[in-house]
């Protein structure tokens, strides 16, 4: 999958560019900021703040004890696929108290990646419910953390209680190729959904 840069086409061509908005969601500390940073062609916008003792009273750090920062609004990155298509990636905050941002960020989104940490599977239930209730197509990316158990797709799907139509893919969001393949899988899912919608309309 070739990635162009904004230098590959002139400003006059920008009017023809189709912007595609995608979300990266999931629980606290699951790797959303890392995914956006790994694939973005620009220096990503981050709204991270250091975790404080006060925040530790409301944030469950079980399984992510080494985490020192947290996203408080969003992460933003961009990928130019061609002179016609540009992806805009928005990473959502993970803690419960920032979930009100999800409603704003989801406006205009075509699809989403829900990242999962199998050590803390329950932290991803809210993200799955959010996209299911709004009928926003999504796939599940199982971020394979060092020391975490590896489960097959069906085990993850059953644990999350999601449809067999929802793709599940193992990934390492620190690896650019792995992260890109996750987005390719999402695009494939969106195309299948769009075809099904057109067929249903007829």
N, C-alpha and C. Protein backbone atom coordinates (compact mmCIF):
# COMPACT_ATOMS: atom_id res chain seq x y z
N UNK A 1 0.85 -1.18 0.00
CA UNK A 1 0.00 0.00 0.00
C UNK A 1 0.88 1.23 0.00
N UNK A 2 0.85 2.04 -1.06
CA UNK A 2 1.73 3.18 -1.19
C UNK A 2 1.13 4.39 -0.48
N UNK A 3 1.99 5.12 0.21
CA UNK A 3 1.57 6.33 0.89
C UNK A 3 2.24 7.51 0.20
N UNK A 4 1.42 8.41 -0.35
CA UNK A 4 1.96 9.63 -0.93
C UNK A 4 2.10 10.67 0.16
N UNK A 5 2.73 11.77 -0.17
CA UNK A 5 2.81 12.88 0.77
C UNK A 5 2.13 14.08 0.15
N UNK A 6 1.89 15.10 0.97
CA UNK A 6 1.20 16.28 0.47
C UNK A 6 2.02 17.00 -0.59
N UNK A 7 3.34 16.73 -0.66
CA UNK A 7 4.18 17.36 -1.67
C UNK A 7 3.96 16.76 -3.05
N UNK A 8 3.25 15.64 -3.12
CA UNK A 8 3.07 14.96 -4.39
C UNK A 8 2.00 15.60 -5.27
N UNK A 9 1.27 16.58 -4.74
CA UNK A 9 0.27 17.25 -5.56
C UNK A 9 0.15 18.70 -5.12
N UNK A 10 -0.31 19.55 -6.04
CA UNK A 10 -0.35 20.98 -5.77
C UNK A 10 -1.57 21.41 -4.98
N UNK A 11 -1.55 22.68 -4.53
CA UNK A 11 -2.65 23.21 -3.72
C UNK A 11 -3.95 23.23 -4.51
N UNK A 12 -3.87 23.43 -5.83
CA UNK A 12 -5.10 23.47 -6.62
C UNK A 12 -5.82 22.14 -6.62
N UNK A 13 -5.06 21.06 -6.37
CA UNK A 13 -5.67 19.74 -6.36
C UNK A 13 -6.38 19.43 -5.06
N UNK A 14 -6.15 20.23 -4.03
CA UNK A 14 -6.72 19.93 -2.72
C UNK A 14 -8.24 19.98 -2.73
N UNK A 15 -8.81 20.74 -3.68
CA UNK A 15 -10.26 20.82 -3.77
C UNK A 15 -10.86 19.48 -4.16
N UNK A 16 -10.06 18.63 -4.81
CA UNK A 16 -10.54 17.34 -5.28
C UNK A 16 -10.31 16.22 -4.26
N UNK A 17 -9.66 16.55 -3.15
CA UNK A 17 -9.29 15.53 -2.17
C UNK A 17 -10.52 15.11 -1.36
N UNK A 18 -10.69 13.79 -1.22
CA UNK A 18 -11.74 13.27 -0.37
C UNK A 18 -11.16 12.98 1.00
N UNK A 19 -11.68 13.66 2.00
CA UNK A 19 -11.21 13.47 3.37
C UNK A 19 -12.00 12.34 4.02
N UNK A 20 -11.29 11.41 4.62
CA UNK A 20 -11.92 10.27 5.28
C UNK A 20 -11.56 10.34 6.77
N UNK A 21 -12.58 10.43 7.60
CA UNK A 21 -12.38 10.53 9.05
C UNK A 21 -12.57 9.17 9.70
N UNK A 22 -11.55 8.73 10.43
CA UNK A 22 -11.59 7.46 11.15
C UNK A 22 -11.25 7.69 12.61
N UNK A 23 -11.85 6.88 13.47
CA UNK A 23 -11.58 6.98 14.90
C UNK A 23 -10.75 5.80 15.37
N UNK A 24 -9.94 6.04 16.38
CA UNK A 24 -9.20 4.99 17.08
C UNK A 24 -9.66 5.06 18.53
N UNK A 25 -10.34 4.03 18.99
CA UNK A 25 -10.95 4.06 20.32
C UNK A 25 -10.55 2.84 21.13
N UNK A 26 -10.97 2.82 22.38
CA UNK A 26 -10.66 1.71 23.26
C UNK A 26 -10.45 2.19 24.68
N UNK A 27 -10.09 1.28 25.54
CA UNK A 27 -9.92 1.59 26.95
C UNK A 27 -8.67 2.38 27.24
N UNK A 28 -8.51 2.73 28.50
CA UNK A 28 -7.37 3.49 29.00
C UNK A 28 -6.08 2.69 28.82
N UNK A 29 -5.07 3.31 28.17
CA UNK A 29 -3.77 2.69 28.05
C UNK A 29 -3.68 1.55 27.06
N UNK A 30 -4.61 1.48 26.11
CA UNK A 30 -4.64 0.34 25.19
C UNK A 30 -3.75 0.53 23.96
N UNK A 31 -3.28 1.76 23.72
CA UNK A 31 -2.37 2.01 22.60
C UNK A 31 -2.89 2.93 21.52
N UNK A 32 -3.92 3.71 21.82
CA UNK A 32 -4.52 4.59 20.81
C UNK A 32 -3.53 5.67 20.34
N UNK A 33 -2.90 6.34 21.29
CA UNK A 33 -1.94 7.38 20.95
C UNK A 33 -0.77 6.81 20.17
N UNK A 34 -0.33 5.62 20.55
CA UNK A 34 0.78 4.97 19.85
C UNK A 34 0.41 4.65 18.41
N UNK A 35 -0.80 4.14 18.19
CA UNK A 35 -1.24 3.81 16.83
C UNK A 35 -1.25 5.04 15.94
N UNK A 36 -1.86 6.12 16.42
CA UNK A 36 -1.93 7.34 15.63
C UNK A 36 -0.51 7.85 15.33
N UNK A 37 0.37 7.83 16.32
CA UNK A 37 1.74 8.32 16.15
C UNK A 37 2.52 7.45 15.18
N UNK A 38 2.28 6.15 15.20
CA UNK A 38 3.03 5.22 14.36
C UNK A 38 2.74 5.41 12.88
N UNK A 39 1.50 5.68 12.52
CA UNK A 39 1.13 5.74 11.10
C UNK A 39 1.04 7.15 10.53
N UNK A 40 0.98 8.18 11.39
CA UNK A 40 0.77 9.53 10.89
C UNK A 40 1.99 10.03 10.11
N UNK A 41 1.71 10.68 8.97
CA UNK A 41 2.78 11.25 8.16
C UNK A 41 3.21 12.62 8.67
N UNK A 42 2.41 13.20 9.54
CA UNK A 42 2.74 14.48 10.15
C UNK A 42 3.02 14.25 11.63
N UNK A 43 3.66 15.21 12.25
CA UNK A 43 3.81 15.13 13.70
C UNK A 43 2.43 15.16 14.32
N UNK A 44 2.02 14.10 15.00
CA UNK A 44 0.64 14.04 15.49
C UNK A 44 0.36 15.08 16.57
N UNK A 45 -0.88 15.55 16.55
CA UNK A 45 -1.36 16.40 17.63
C UNK A 45 -1.72 15.51 18.80
N UNK A 46 -1.19 15.83 19.97
CA UNK A 46 -1.52 15.06 21.16
C UNK A 46 -2.01 16.00 22.24
N UNK A 47 -2.94 15.53 23.04
CA UNK A 47 -3.41 16.31 24.18
C UNK A 47 -3.16 15.50 25.45
N UNK A 48 -1.91 15.08 25.62
CA UNK A 48 -1.56 14.26 26.77
C UNK A 48 -1.15 15.12 27.96
N UNK A 49 -1.53 14.67 29.11
CA UNK A 49 -1.13 15.30 30.36
C UNK A 49 -0.56 14.22 31.28
N UNK A 50 0.29 14.64 32.18
CA UNK A 50 0.87 13.69 33.11
C UNK A 50 -0.18 13.23 34.12
N UNK A 51 -0.14 11.95 34.43
CA UNK A 51 -1.02 11.42 35.48
C UNK A 51 -0.56 11.95 36.83
N UNK A 52 -1.51 12.30 37.66
CA UNK A 52 -1.20 12.85 38.97
C UNK A 52 -1.73 11.93 40.07
N UNK A 53 -1.31 12.20 41.27
CA UNK A 53 -1.82 11.42 42.41
C UNK A 53 -3.32 11.59 42.55
N UNK A 54 -3.81 12.80 42.24
CA UNK A 54 -5.25 13.05 42.33
C UNK A 54 -6.01 12.19 41.32
N UNK A 55 -5.46 12.10 40.09
CA UNK A 55 -6.11 11.31 39.05
C UNK A 55 -6.08 9.82 39.36
N UNK A 56 -5.07 9.38 40.11
CA UNK A 56 -4.98 7.95 40.43
C UNK A 56 -6.13 7.48 41.29
N UNK A 57 -6.83 8.42 41.91
CA UNK A 57 -7.98 8.06 42.74
C UNK A 57 -9.18 7.65 41.89
N UNK A 58 -9.19 8.08 40.61
CA UNK A 58 -10.33 7.75 39.74
C UNK A 58 -9.94 6.89 38.54
N UNK A 59 -8.64 6.84 38.21
CA UNK A 59 -8.18 6.04 37.08
C UNK A 59 -7.65 4.69 37.58
N UNK A 60 -8.16 3.62 37.00
CA UNK A 60 -7.70 2.28 37.35
C UNK A 60 -6.44 1.98 36.54
N UNK A 61 -5.30 1.90 37.21
CA UNK A 61 -4.02 1.67 36.55
C UNK A 61 -3.62 0.20 36.56
N UNK A 62 -4.54 -0.67 36.94
CA UNK A 62 -4.24 -2.10 36.96
C UNK A 62 -3.85 -2.57 35.56
N UNK A 63 -2.67 -3.13 35.45
CA UNK A 63 -2.18 -3.61 34.16
C UNK A 63 -1.41 -2.59 33.37
N UNK A 64 -1.50 -1.32 33.76
CA UNK A 64 -0.75 -0.25 33.08
C UNK A 64 -0.05 0.63 34.12
N UNK A 65 0.52 -0.02 35.10
CA UNK A 65 1.14 0.72 36.21
C UNK A 65 2.27 1.64 35.74
N UNK A 66 2.92 1.31 34.62
CA UNK A 66 4.02 2.13 34.14
C UNK A 66 3.59 3.33 33.32
N UNK A 67 2.29 3.49 33.08
CA UNK A 67 1.80 4.60 32.26
C UNK A 67 1.90 5.91 33.05
N UNK A 68 2.49 6.93 32.43
CA UNK A 68 2.70 8.19 33.14
C UNK A 68 1.91 9.36 32.55
N UNK A 69 1.35 9.19 31.33
CA UNK A 69 0.57 10.25 30.70
C UNK A 69 -0.76 9.69 30.22
N UNK A 70 -1.68 10.60 29.93
CA UNK A 70 -3.00 10.19 29.44
C UNK A 70 -3.55 11.23 28.49
N UNK A 71 -4.33 10.79 27.50
CA UNK A 71 -4.97 11.70 26.55
C UNK A 71 -6.22 12.28 27.20
N UNK A 72 -6.32 13.62 27.18
CA UNK A 72 -7.46 14.26 27.84
C UNK A 72 -8.48 14.81 26.84
N UNK A 73 -8.16 14.85 25.56
CA UNK A 73 -9.12 15.32 24.56
C UNK A 73 -9.09 14.43 23.32
N UNK A 74 -7.98 14.45 22.59
CA UNK A 74 -7.89 13.65 21.37
C UNK A 74 -6.45 13.55 20.91
N UNK A 75 -6.21 12.59 20.03
CA UNK A 75 -4.98 12.52 19.25
C UNK A 75 -5.39 12.74 17.80
N UNK A 76 -4.52 13.34 17.01
CA UNK A 76 -4.86 13.60 15.61
C UNK A 76 -3.67 13.32 14.73
N UNK A 77 -3.89 12.56 13.65
CA UNK A 77 -2.86 12.29 12.67
C UNK A 77 -3.44 12.26 11.28
N UNK A 78 -2.55 12.26 10.28
CA UNK A 78 -3.00 12.28 8.87
C UNK A 78 -2.17 11.31 8.05
N UNK A 79 -2.84 10.65 7.11
CA UNK A 79 -2.18 9.78 6.15
C UNK A 79 -2.70 10.12 4.76
N UNK A 80 -1.82 10.48 3.83
CA UNK A 80 -2.21 10.73 2.45
C UNK A 80 -2.06 9.44 1.67
N UNK A 81 -3.18 8.86 1.26
CA UNK A 81 -3.15 7.61 0.50
C UNK A 81 -2.83 7.86 -0.96
N UNK A 82 -3.36 8.95 -1.51
CA UNK A 82 -3.15 9.30 -2.91
C UNK A 82 -3.49 10.77 -3.05
N UNK A 83 -3.44 11.26 -4.28
CA UNK A 83 -3.80 12.67 -4.50
C UNK A 83 -5.29 12.91 -4.34
N UNK A 84 -6.07 11.81 -4.20
CA UNK A 84 -7.52 11.95 -4.06
C UNK A 84 -8.04 11.62 -2.67
N UNK A 85 -7.29 10.86 -1.89
CA UNK A 85 -7.81 10.38 -0.60
C UNK A 85 -6.82 10.66 0.53
N UNK A 86 -7.33 11.34 1.55
CA UNK A 86 -6.53 11.62 2.73
C UNK A 86 -7.29 11.11 3.96
N UNK A 87 -6.60 10.36 4.80
CA UNK A 87 -7.20 9.87 6.04
C UNK A 87 -6.88 10.82 7.18
N UNK A 88 -7.89 11.11 7.99
CA UNK A 88 -7.69 11.86 9.21
C UNK A 88 -8.04 10.94 10.38
N UNK A 89 -7.06 10.69 11.22
CA UNK A 89 -7.23 9.78 12.35
C UNK A 89 -7.44 10.57 13.63
N UNK A 90 -8.49 10.21 14.36
CA UNK A 90 -8.78 10.84 15.64
C UNK A 90 -8.76 9.78 16.73
N UNK A 91 -7.83 9.89 17.65
CA UNK A 91 -7.78 8.98 18.78
C UNK A 91 -8.60 9.53 19.93
N UNK A 92 -9.45 8.70 20.51
CA UNK A 92 -10.33 9.15 21.59
C UNK A 92 -9.65 8.98 22.95
N UNK A 93 -10.06 9.79 23.94
CA UNK A 93 -9.54 9.57 25.30
C UNK A 93 -10.12 8.29 25.89
N UNK A 94 -9.38 7.68 26.81
CA UNK A 94 -9.79 6.38 27.33
C UNK A 94 -10.55 6.38 28.64
N UNK A 95 -10.31 7.39 29.49
CA UNK A 95 -10.94 7.34 30.81
C UNK A 95 -12.42 7.71 30.74
N UNK A 96 -13.17 7.14 31.67
CA UNK A 96 -14.62 7.35 31.71
C UNK A 96 -14.98 8.84 31.71
N UNK A 97 -14.25 9.65 32.45
CA UNK A 97 -14.66 11.04 32.64
C UNK A 97 -14.48 11.89 31.37
N UNK A 98 -13.79 11.35 30.37
CA UNK A 98 -13.61 12.08 29.12
C UNK A 98 -14.46 11.51 27.98
N UNK A 99 -15.34 10.57 28.28
CA UNK A 99 -16.13 9.95 27.23
C UNK A 99 -17.08 10.90 26.53
N UNK A 100 -17.40 12.03 27.14
CA UNK A 100 -18.28 12.99 26.46
C UNK A 100 -17.66 13.47 25.15
N UNK A 101 -16.32 13.38 25.05
CA UNK A 101 -15.63 13.79 23.82
C UNK A 101 -15.95 12.85 22.66
N UNK A 102 -16.29 11.59 22.98
CA UNK A 102 -16.52 10.61 21.92
C UNK A 102 -17.67 11.03 21.00
N UNK A 103 -18.72 11.61 21.58
CA UNK A 103 -19.87 12.01 20.77
C UNK A 103 -19.46 13.05 19.74
N UNK A 104 -18.64 14.03 20.17
CA UNK A 104 -18.19 15.07 19.25
C UNK A 104 -17.26 14.50 18.19
N UNK A 105 -16.34 13.67 18.61
CA UNK A 105 -15.35 13.12 17.68
C UNK A 105 -15.97 12.17 16.66
N UNK A 106 -17.08 11.54 17.00
CA UNK A 106 -17.69 10.56 16.09
C UNK A 106 -18.47 11.19 14.95
N UNK A 107 -18.77 12.49 15.05
CA UNK A 107 -19.54 13.16 14.00
C UNK A 107 -18.74 13.12 12.69
N UNK A 108 -19.33 12.54 11.66
CA UNK A 108 -18.70 12.47 10.35
C UNK A 108 -17.72 11.33 10.17
N UNK A 109 -17.53 10.50 11.19
CA UNK A 109 -16.59 9.38 11.07
C UNK A 109 -17.20 8.27 10.23
N UNK A 110 -16.41 7.71 9.32
CA UNK A 110 -16.89 6.61 8.48
C UNK A 110 -16.73 5.26 9.17
N UNK A 111 -15.76 5.16 10.08
CA UNK A 111 -15.52 3.89 10.75
C UNK A 111 -14.53 4.07 11.88
N UNK A 112 -14.25 2.96 12.56
CA UNK A 112 -13.38 3.04 13.73
C UNK A 112 -12.60 1.75 13.93
N UNK A 113 -11.47 1.89 14.59
CA UNK A 113 -10.72 0.76 15.12
C UNK A 113 -10.90 0.77 16.63
N UNK A 114 -11.39 -0.34 17.18
CA UNK A 114 -11.47 -0.48 18.63
C UNK A 114 -10.27 -1.33 19.06
N UNK A 115 -9.35 -0.70 19.77
CA UNK A 115 -8.17 -1.43 20.25
C UNK A 115 -8.50 -2.16 21.54
N UNK A 116 -7.96 -3.37 21.66
CA UNK A 116 -8.23 -4.22 22.81
C UNK A 116 -6.91 -4.70 23.41
N UNK A 117 -6.85 -4.70 24.73
CA UNK A 117 -5.75 -5.31 25.48
C UNK A 117 -6.35 -6.54 26.16
N UNK A 118 -5.90 -7.74 25.78
CA UNK A 118 -6.53 -8.96 26.31
C UNK A 118 -6.33 -9.12 27.81
N UNK A 119 -5.40 -8.37 28.40
CA UNK A 119 -5.22 -8.42 29.85
C UNK A 119 -6.33 -7.65 30.56
N UNK A 120 -7.00 -6.76 29.81
CA UNK A 120 -8.06 -5.92 30.39
C UNK A 120 -9.20 -5.81 29.37
N UNK A 121 -9.71 -6.96 28.96
CA UNK A 121 -10.73 -7.00 27.91
C UNK A 121 -11.95 -6.16 28.25
N UNK A 122 -12.32 -6.14 29.53
CA UNK A 122 -13.54 -5.44 29.95
C UNK A 122 -13.46 -3.93 29.68
N UNK A 123 -12.26 -3.39 29.55
CA UNK A 123 -12.11 -1.96 29.31
C UNK A 123 -12.56 -1.55 27.91
N UNK A 124 -12.77 -2.52 27.03
CA UNK A 124 -13.17 -2.21 25.66
C UNK A 124 -14.67 -2.36 25.42
N UNK A 125 -15.40 -2.84 26.42
CA UNK A 125 -16.84 -3.03 26.24
C UNK A 125 -17.55 -1.73 25.89
N UNK A 126 -17.16 -0.65 26.55
CA UNK A 126 -17.84 0.64 26.32
C UNK A 126 -17.66 1.12 24.89
N UNK A 127 -16.45 0.92 24.33
CA UNK A 127 -16.20 1.35 22.96
C UNK A 127 -17.03 0.53 21.97
N UNK A 128 -17.10 -0.77 22.19
CA UNK A 128 -17.91 -1.63 21.33
C UNK A 128 -19.38 -1.20 21.39
N UNK A 129 -19.90 -0.97 22.58
CA UNK A 129 -21.29 -0.54 22.74
C UNK A 129 -21.54 0.80 22.05
N UNK A 130 -20.57 1.71 22.16
CA UNK A 130 -20.71 3.04 21.58
C UNK A 130 -20.92 2.95 20.07
N UNK A 131 -20.07 2.20 19.39
CA UNK A 131 -20.16 2.14 17.93
C UNK A 131 -21.32 1.28 17.46
N UNK A 132 -21.63 0.24 18.19
CA UNK A 132 -22.80 -0.56 17.83
C UNK A 132 -24.08 0.26 17.94
N UNK A 133 -24.22 1.04 19.00
CA UNK A 133 -25.44 1.81 19.22
C UNK A 133 -25.61 2.93 18.19
N UNK A 134 -24.51 3.40 17.63
CA UNK A 134 -24.56 4.47 16.63
C UNK A 134 -24.43 3.94 15.21
N UNK A 135 -24.35 2.62 15.08
CA UNK A 135 -24.24 1.96 13.78
C UNK A 135 -23.07 2.49 12.97
N UNK A 136 -21.96 2.74 13.64
CA UNK A 136 -20.71 3.13 12.97
C UNK A 136 -19.89 1.86 12.79
N UNK A 137 -19.55 1.50 11.55
CA UNK A 137 -18.77 0.27 11.33
C UNK A 137 -17.43 0.33 12.06
N UNK A 138 -17.02 -0.80 12.63
CA UNK A 138 -15.74 -0.85 13.33
C UNK A 138 -15.12 -2.23 13.21
N UNK A 139 -13.83 -2.27 13.41
CA UNK A 139 -13.13 -3.54 13.54
C UNK A 139 -12.44 -3.55 14.90
N UNK A 140 -12.02 -4.74 15.33
CA UNK A 140 -11.32 -4.86 16.61
C UNK A 140 -9.85 -5.18 16.32
N UNK A 141 -8.97 -4.36 16.88
CA UNK A 141 -7.55 -4.60 16.80
C UNK A 141 -7.04 -5.07 18.14
N UNK A 142 -6.54 -6.29 18.21
CA UNK A 142 -6.02 -6.84 19.47
C UNK A 142 -4.54 -6.47 19.56
N UNK A 143 -4.24 -5.48 20.39
CA UNK A 143 -2.87 -5.01 20.54
C UNK A 143 -2.10 -6.01 21.40
N UNK A 144 -1.12 -6.65 20.81
CA UNK A 144 -0.39 -7.73 21.50
C UNK A 144 0.72 -7.16 22.38
N UNK A 145 0.40 -6.95 23.63
CA UNK A 145 1.36 -6.42 24.58
C UNK A 145 2.33 -7.52 25.02
N UNK A 146 3.56 -7.11 25.33
CA UNK A 146 4.53 -8.05 25.85
C UNK A 146 4.00 -8.69 27.14
N UNK A 147 4.03 -10.01 27.19
CA UNK A 147 3.56 -10.70 28.38
C UNK A 147 2.08 -11.01 28.39
N UNK A 148 1.34 -10.51 27.40
CA UNK A 148 -0.09 -10.75 27.35
C UNK A 148 -0.40 -12.08 26.68
N UNK A 149 -1.52 -12.68 27.05
CA UNK A 149 -1.95 -13.93 26.43
C UNK A 149 -2.40 -13.67 24.99
N UNK A 150 -2.11 -14.63 24.11
CA UNK A 150 -2.55 -14.53 22.71
C UNK A 150 -3.78 -15.43 22.53
N UNK A 151 -4.87 -14.82 22.08
CA UNK A 151 -6.11 -15.56 21.85
C UNK A 151 -6.45 -15.49 20.36
N UNK A 152 -7.18 -16.49 19.87
CA UNK A 152 -7.56 -16.44 18.46
C UNK A 152 -8.78 -15.52 18.28
N UNK A 153 -9.11 -15.27 17.02
CA UNK A 153 -10.16 -14.30 16.71
C UNK A 153 -11.50 -14.68 17.34
N UNK A 154 -11.86 -15.95 17.27
CA UNK A 154 -13.15 -16.38 17.80
C UNK A 154 -13.23 -16.20 19.32
N UNK A 155 -12.12 -16.44 20.00
CA UNK A 155 -12.11 -16.25 21.45
C UNK A 155 -12.31 -14.78 21.80
N UNK A 156 -11.66 -13.90 21.06
CA UNK A 156 -11.82 -12.46 21.30
C UNK A 156 -13.25 -12.03 20.97
N UNK A 157 -13.76 -12.51 19.85
CA UNK A 157 -15.12 -12.15 19.44
C UNK A 157 -16.15 -12.60 20.48
N UNK A 158 -15.98 -13.79 21.01
CA UNK A 158 -16.91 -14.29 22.03
C UNK A 158 -16.80 -13.50 23.32
N UNK A 159 -15.57 -13.14 23.69
CA UNK A 159 -15.37 -12.38 24.93
C UNK A 159 -16.01 -11.00 24.84
N UNK A 160 -15.97 -10.40 23.65
CA UNK A 160 -16.55 -9.07 23.46
C UNK A 160 -18.03 -9.13 23.07
N UNK A 161 -18.52 -10.34 22.76
CA UNK A 161 -19.90 -10.54 22.36
C UNK A 161 -20.26 -9.68 21.15
N UNK A 162 -19.42 -9.78 20.10
CA UNK A 162 -19.66 -9.01 18.89
C UNK A 162 -20.04 -9.94 17.75
N UNK A 163 -20.63 -9.37 16.73
CA UNK A 163 -21.11 -10.11 15.58
C UNK A 163 -19.96 -10.79 14.84
N UNK A 164 -20.27 -11.88 14.18
CA UNK A 164 -19.28 -12.58 13.36
C UNK A 164 -18.87 -11.73 12.16
N UNK A 165 -19.64 -10.68 11.86
CA UNK A 165 -19.32 -9.80 10.74
C UNK A 165 -18.25 -8.78 11.08
N UNK A 166 -17.95 -8.63 12.37
CA UNK A 166 -16.95 -7.65 12.79
C UNK A 166 -15.56 -8.28 12.72
N UNK A 167 -14.66 -7.76 11.88
CA UNK A 167 -13.32 -8.33 11.78
C UNK A 167 -12.53 -8.15 13.08
N UNK A 168 -11.71 -9.15 13.40
CA UNK A 168 -10.81 -9.08 14.55
C UNK A 168 -9.41 -9.36 14.02
N UNK A 169 -8.45 -8.52 14.37
CA UNK A 169 -7.10 -8.68 13.86
C UNK A 169 -6.07 -8.44 14.95
N UNK A 170 -5.10 -9.34 15.07
CA UNK A 170 -3.99 -9.15 15.99
C UNK A 170 -3.05 -8.11 15.41
N UNK A 171 -2.45 -7.30 16.28
CA UNK A 171 -1.56 -6.25 15.79
C UNK A 171 -0.57 -5.85 16.88
N UNK A 172 0.44 -5.14 16.45
CA UNK A 172 1.38 -4.47 17.36
C UNK A 172 1.44 -3.04 16.88
N UNK A 173 0.77 -2.13 17.58
CA UNK A 173 0.63 -0.76 17.08
C UNK A 173 1.94 0.02 17.11
N UNK A 174 2.98 -0.56 17.70
CA UNK A 174 4.30 0.08 17.66
C UNK A 174 4.97 -0.12 16.31
N UNK A 175 4.51 -1.13 15.57
CA UNK A 175 5.09 -1.49 14.28
C UNK A 175 4.28 -0.84 13.16
N UNK A 176 4.94 -0.04 12.33
CA UNK A 176 4.22 0.72 11.30
C UNK A 176 3.47 -0.19 10.33
N UNK A 177 4.11 -1.25 9.89
CA UNK A 177 3.45 -2.14 8.93
C UNK A 177 2.23 -2.81 9.56
N UNK A 178 2.35 -3.24 10.80
CA UNK A 178 1.23 -3.86 11.49
C UNK A 178 0.07 -2.87 11.66
N UNK A 179 0.41 -1.64 12.03
CA UNK A 179 -0.62 -0.62 12.21
C UNK A 179 -1.29 -0.28 10.88
N UNK A 180 -0.52 -0.22 9.79
CA UNK A 180 -1.09 0.06 8.48
C UNK A 180 -2.03 -1.06 8.05
N UNK A 181 -1.65 -2.30 8.30
CA UNK A 181 -2.49 -3.43 7.93
C UNK A 181 -3.82 -3.40 8.67
N UNK A 182 -3.81 -2.87 9.89
CA UNK A 182 -5.05 -2.72 10.65
C UNK A 182 -5.99 -1.74 9.95
N UNK A 183 -5.44 -0.65 9.44
CA UNK A 183 -6.26 0.32 8.72
C UNK A 183 -6.74 -0.23 7.39
N UNK A 184 -5.91 -1.03 6.73
CA UNK A 184 -6.33 -1.69 5.49
C UNK A 184 -7.53 -2.59 5.77
N UNK A 185 -7.46 -3.33 6.88
CA UNK A 185 -8.57 -4.22 7.25
C UNK A 185 -9.84 -3.42 7.50
N UNK A 186 -9.70 -2.26 8.11
CA UNK A 186 -10.86 -1.41 8.35
C UNK A 186 -11.46 -0.95 7.02
N UNK A 187 -10.61 -0.53 6.08
CA UNK A 187 -11.10 -0.09 4.78
C UNK A 187 -11.83 -1.21 4.06
N UNK A 188 -11.29 -2.40 4.11
CA UNK A 188 -11.95 -3.54 3.49
C UNK A 188 -13.33 -3.76 4.10
N UNK A 189 -13.42 -3.64 5.42
CA UNK A 189 -14.69 -3.81 6.11
C UNK A 189 -15.68 -2.72 5.70
N UNK A 190 -15.21 -1.49 5.57
CA UNK A 190 -16.08 -0.38 5.17
C UNK A 190 -16.62 -0.60 3.75
N UNK A 191 -15.78 -1.12 2.86
CA UNK A 191 -16.24 -1.37 1.49
C UNK A 191 -17.28 -2.48 1.45
N UNK A 192 -17.09 -3.51 2.26
CA UNK A 192 -18.08 -4.60 2.33
C UNK A 192 -19.40 -4.06 2.87
N UNK A 193 -19.33 -3.22 3.90
CA UNK A 193 -20.54 -2.62 4.48
C UNK A 193 -21.26 -1.75 3.47
N UNK A 194 -20.48 -0.95 2.72
CA UNK A 194 -21.10 -0.06 1.73
C UNK A 194 -21.78 -0.86 0.64
N UNK A 195 -21.15 -1.95 0.19
CA UNK A 195 -21.76 -2.81 -0.83
C UNK A 195 -23.06 -3.44 -0.34
N UNK A 196 -23.03 -3.88 0.93
CA UNK A 196 -24.23 -4.47 1.52
C UNK A 196 -25.36 -3.46 1.62
N UNK A 197 -25.02 -2.23 1.98
CA UNK A 197 -26.03 -1.18 2.11
C UNK A 197 -26.67 -0.86 0.76
N UNK A 198 -25.84 -0.81 -0.29
CA UNK A 198 -26.36 -0.53 -1.64
C UNK A 198 -27.28 -1.66 -2.09
N UNK A 199 -26.84 -2.90 -1.84
CA UNK A 199 -27.65 -4.07 -2.24
C UNK A 199 -28.97 -4.07 -1.48
N UNK A 200 -28.93 -3.70 -0.20
CA UNK A 200 -30.15 -3.66 0.60
C UNK A 200 -31.12 -2.60 0.14
N UNK A 201 -30.59 -1.48 -0.39
CA UNK A 201 -31.43 -0.39 -0.86
C UNK A 201 -32.19 -0.78 -2.12
N UNK A 202 -31.64 -1.73 -2.89
CA UNK A 202 -32.31 -2.19 -4.11
C UNK A 202 -33.33 -3.24 -3.78
